[in-house]
């Protein structure tokens, strides 16, 4: 899924779930992405990190969320 599509998907999931303002929905989606990024940097099981490509992908998702 392209970053723009993923951003829209996350935004819509939070919008439906919370019925909140656009700003609040974006904030929830951004927090979700930050948690995902942190999972690569500090994997809870101490396993292999996912690598730069996936972190880069999620950074692009964050950028797209902010554009919504």
N, C-alpha and C. Protein backbone atom coordinates (compact mmCIF):
# COMPACT_ATOMS: atom_id res chain seq x y z
N UNK A 1 0.85 -1.17 0.00
CA UNK A 1 0.00 0.00 0.00
C UNK A 1 0.90 1.24 0.00
N UNK A 2 0.55 2.20 -0.82
CA UNK A 2 1.34 3.43 -0.87
C UNK A 2 1.13 4.24 0.40
N UNK A 3 2.14 5.05 0.79
CA UNK A 3 2.01 5.84 2.02
C UNK A 3 0.74 6.71 2.07
N UNK A 4 0.37 7.29 0.93
CA UNK A 4 -0.83 8.13 0.90
C UNK A 4 -2.08 7.31 1.20
N UNK A 5 -2.15 6.11 0.65
CA UNK A 5 -3.30 5.23 0.90
C UNK A 5 -3.35 4.79 2.36
N UNK A 6 -2.18 4.45 2.92
CA UNK A 6 -2.11 4.03 4.32
C UNK A 6 -2.51 5.18 5.24
N UNK A 7 -2.07 6.38 4.93
CA UNK A 7 -2.43 7.56 5.73
C UNK A 7 -3.94 7.74 5.74
N UNK A 8 -4.54 7.64 4.59
CA UNK A 8 -6.00 7.80 4.48
C UNK A 8 -6.73 6.70 5.25
N UNK A 9 -6.22 5.46 5.13
CA UNK A 9 -6.82 4.34 5.84
C UNK A 9 -6.79 4.56 7.36
N UNK A 10 -5.63 4.94 7.89
CA UNK A 10 -5.52 5.19 9.33
C UNK A 10 -6.42 6.34 9.76
N UNK A 11 -6.40 7.41 8.99
CA UNK A 11 -7.23 8.57 9.32
C UNK A 11 -8.70 8.16 9.39
N UNK A 12 -9.15 7.43 8.39
CA UNK A 12 -10.56 7.04 8.35
C UNK A 12 -10.93 6.10 9.48
N UNK A 13 -10.04 5.22 9.86
CA UNK A 13 -10.32 4.32 10.98
C UNK A 13 -10.52 5.10 12.27
N UNK A 14 -9.66 6.06 12.52
CA UNK A 14 -9.80 6.87 13.73
C UNK A 14 -10.99 7.80 13.65
N UNK A 15 -11.29 8.32 12.48
CA UNK A 15 -12.43 9.22 12.33
C UNK A 15 -13.73 8.50 12.65
N UNK A 16 -13.87 7.29 12.18
CA UNK A 16 -15.08 6.50 12.43
C UNK A 16 -15.16 6.11 13.90
N UNK A 17 -14.04 5.73 14.46
CA UNK A 17 -14.01 5.23 15.83
C UNK A 17 -14.29 6.34 16.85
N UNK A 18 -13.73 7.50 16.65
CA UNK A 18 -13.78 8.54 17.68
C UNK A 18 -14.75 9.67 17.39
N UNK A 19 -15.16 9.87 16.16
CA UNK A 19 -16.05 10.98 15.80
C UNK A 19 -15.51 12.29 16.38
N UNK A 20 -14.23 12.51 16.24
CA UNK A 20 -13.56 13.68 16.81
C UNK A 20 -13.25 14.70 15.72
N UNK A 21 -12.66 15.79 16.12
CA UNK A 21 -12.28 16.83 15.17
C UNK A 21 -11.16 16.31 14.27
N UNK A 22 -10.99 16.97 13.13
CA UNK A 22 -9.93 16.60 12.19
C UNK A 22 -8.57 16.61 12.88
N UNK A 23 -8.33 17.64 13.67
CA UNK A 23 -7.04 17.76 14.37
C UNK A 23 -6.81 16.58 15.30
N UNK A 24 -7.83 16.20 16.06
CA UNK A 24 -7.70 15.10 17.00
C UNK A 24 -7.52 13.76 16.29
N UNK A 25 -8.23 13.58 15.18
CA UNK A 25 -8.11 12.34 14.41
C UNK A 25 -6.70 12.22 13.84
N UNK A 26 -6.17 13.32 13.31
CA UNK A 26 -4.80 13.30 12.79
C UNK A 26 -3.82 12.96 13.89
N UNK A 27 -4.01 13.54 15.06
CA UNK A 27 -3.11 13.30 16.18
C UNK A 27 -3.11 11.83 16.57
N UNK A 28 -4.28 11.20 16.60
CA UNK A 28 -4.36 9.77 16.92
C UNK A 28 -3.63 8.94 15.88
N UNK A 29 -3.84 9.25 14.61
CA UNK A 29 -3.18 8.51 13.54
C UNK A 29 -1.66 8.68 13.61
N UNK A 30 -1.21 9.89 13.91
CA UNK A 30 0.23 10.15 14.03
C UNK A 30 0.84 9.38 15.20
N UNK A 31 0.12 9.31 16.30
CA UNK A 31 0.61 8.54 17.45
C UNK A 31 0.75 7.07 17.07
N UNK A 32 -0.21 6.55 16.34
CA UNK A 32 -0.16 5.16 15.87
C UNK A 32 1.10 4.92 15.05
N UNK A 33 1.39 5.83 14.15
CA UNK A 33 2.58 5.70 13.30
C UNK A 33 3.85 5.79 14.14
N UNK A 34 3.88 6.72 15.09
CA UNK A 34 5.06 6.85 15.95
C UNK A 34 5.33 5.56 16.73
N UNK A 35 4.27 4.93 17.22
CA UNK A 35 4.43 3.66 17.94
C UNK A 35 5.01 2.61 17.00
N UNK A 36 4.54 2.60 15.78
CA UNK A 36 5.04 1.64 14.78
C UNK A 36 6.53 1.88 14.51
N UNK A 37 6.91 3.14 14.35
CA UNK A 37 8.32 3.47 14.11
C UNK A 37 9.16 3.06 15.31
N UNK A 38 8.70 3.33 16.51
CA UNK A 38 9.44 2.96 17.72
C UNK A 38 9.64 1.45 17.81
N UNK A 39 8.72 0.68 17.26
CA UNK A 39 8.84 -0.78 17.29
C UNK A 39 10.06 -1.25 16.51
N UNK A 40 10.46 -0.51 15.46
CA UNK A 40 11.66 -0.92 14.73
C UNK A 40 12.91 -0.54 15.48
N UNK A 41 12.87 0.64 16.08
CA UNK A 41 14.06 1.17 16.75
C UNK A 41 14.36 0.35 18.00
N UNK A 42 13.35 0.01 18.76
CA UNK A 42 13.52 -0.76 20.00
C UNK A 42 12.54 -1.93 20.01
N UNK A 43 12.81 -2.98 19.23
CA UNK A 43 11.88 -4.11 19.21
C UNK A 43 11.73 -4.71 20.60
N UNK A 44 10.49 -4.96 21.05
CA UNK A 44 10.27 -5.46 22.40
C UNK A 44 10.94 -6.80 22.67
N UNK A 45 11.11 -7.62 21.64
CA UNK A 45 11.73 -8.92 21.85
C UNK A 45 13.24 -8.90 21.63
N UNK A 46 13.79 -7.71 21.33
CA UNK A 46 15.23 -7.59 21.10
C UNK A 46 15.65 -8.20 19.77
N UNK A 47 14.67 -8.49 18.92
CA UNK A 47 14.94 -9.15 17.64
C UNK A 47 15.53 -8.21 16.60
N UNK A 48 15.50 -8.68 15.40
CA UNK A 48 16.08 -7.93 14.28
C UNK A 48 15.24 -6.69 14.00
N UNK A 49 15.91 -5.59 13.78
CA UNK A 49 15.20 -4.37 13.41
C UNK A 49 14.73 -4.49 11.97
N UNK A 50 13.66 -3.81 11.63
CA UNK A 50 13.05 -3.93 10.32
C UNK A 50 13.82 -3.21 9.24
N UNK A 51 14.68 -2.29 9.59
CA UNK A 51 15.49 -1.61 8.59
C UNK A 51 14.97 -0.25 8.20
N UNK A 52 15.80 0.48 7.51
CA UNK A 52 15.51 1.86 7.14
C UNK A 52 14.32 1.99 6.19
N UNK A 53 14.16 1.05 5.29
CA UNK A 53 13.09 1.18 4.31
C UNK A 53 11.73 1.28 4.97
N UNK A 54 11.48 0.46 5.96
CA UNK A 54 10.19 0.51 6.61
C UNK A 54 10.02 1.78 7.44
N UNK A 55 11.07 2.22 8.09
CA UNK A 55 10.97 3.47 8.84
C UNK A 55 10.72 4.62 7.87
N UNK A 56 11.38 4.59 6.74
CA UNK A 56 11.18 5.64 5.73
C UNK A 56 9.73 5.63 5.24
N UNK A 57 9.18 4.45 5.02
CA UNK A 57 7.79 4.31 4.59
C UNK A 57 6.86 4.98 5.60
N UNK A 58 7.06 4.67 6.88
CA UNK A 58 6.17 5.23 7.90
C UNK A 58 6.36 6.72 8.08
N UNK A 59 7.56 7.22 7.84
CA UNK A 59 7.76 8.67 7.87
C UNK A 59 6.96 9.33 6.74
N UNK A 60 6.90 8.67 5.59
CA UNK A 60 6.11 9.18 4.47
C UNK A 60 4.62 9.14 4.82
N UNK A 61 4.20 8.10 5.53
CA UNK A 61 2.80 8.02 5.98
C UNK A 61 2.49 9.21 6.89
N UNK A 62 3.40 9.53 7.81
CA UNK A 62 3.20 10.68 8.69
C UNK A 62 3.03 11.97 7.88
N UNK A 63 3.86 12.14 6.87
CA UNK A 63 3.78 13.32 6.02
C UNK A 63 2.40 13.39 5.36
N UNK A 64 1.93 12.26 4.87
CA UNK A 64 0.63 12.22 4.20
C UNK A 64 -0.51 12.49 5.16
N UNK A 65 -0.41 11.99 6.40
CA UNK A 65 -1.44 12.27 7.39
C UNK A 65 -1.54 13.76 7.64
N UNK A 66 -0.39 14.41 7.75
CA UNK A 66 -0.39 15.86 7.99
C UNK A 66 -0.99 16.65 6.83
N UNK A 67 -0.99 16.08 5.64
CA UNK A 67 -1.58 16.75 4.47
C UNK A 67 -3.09 16.64 4.42
N UNK A 68 -3.65 15.67 5.16
CA UNK A 68 -5.10 15.45 5.12
C UNK A 68 -5.87 16.60 5.73
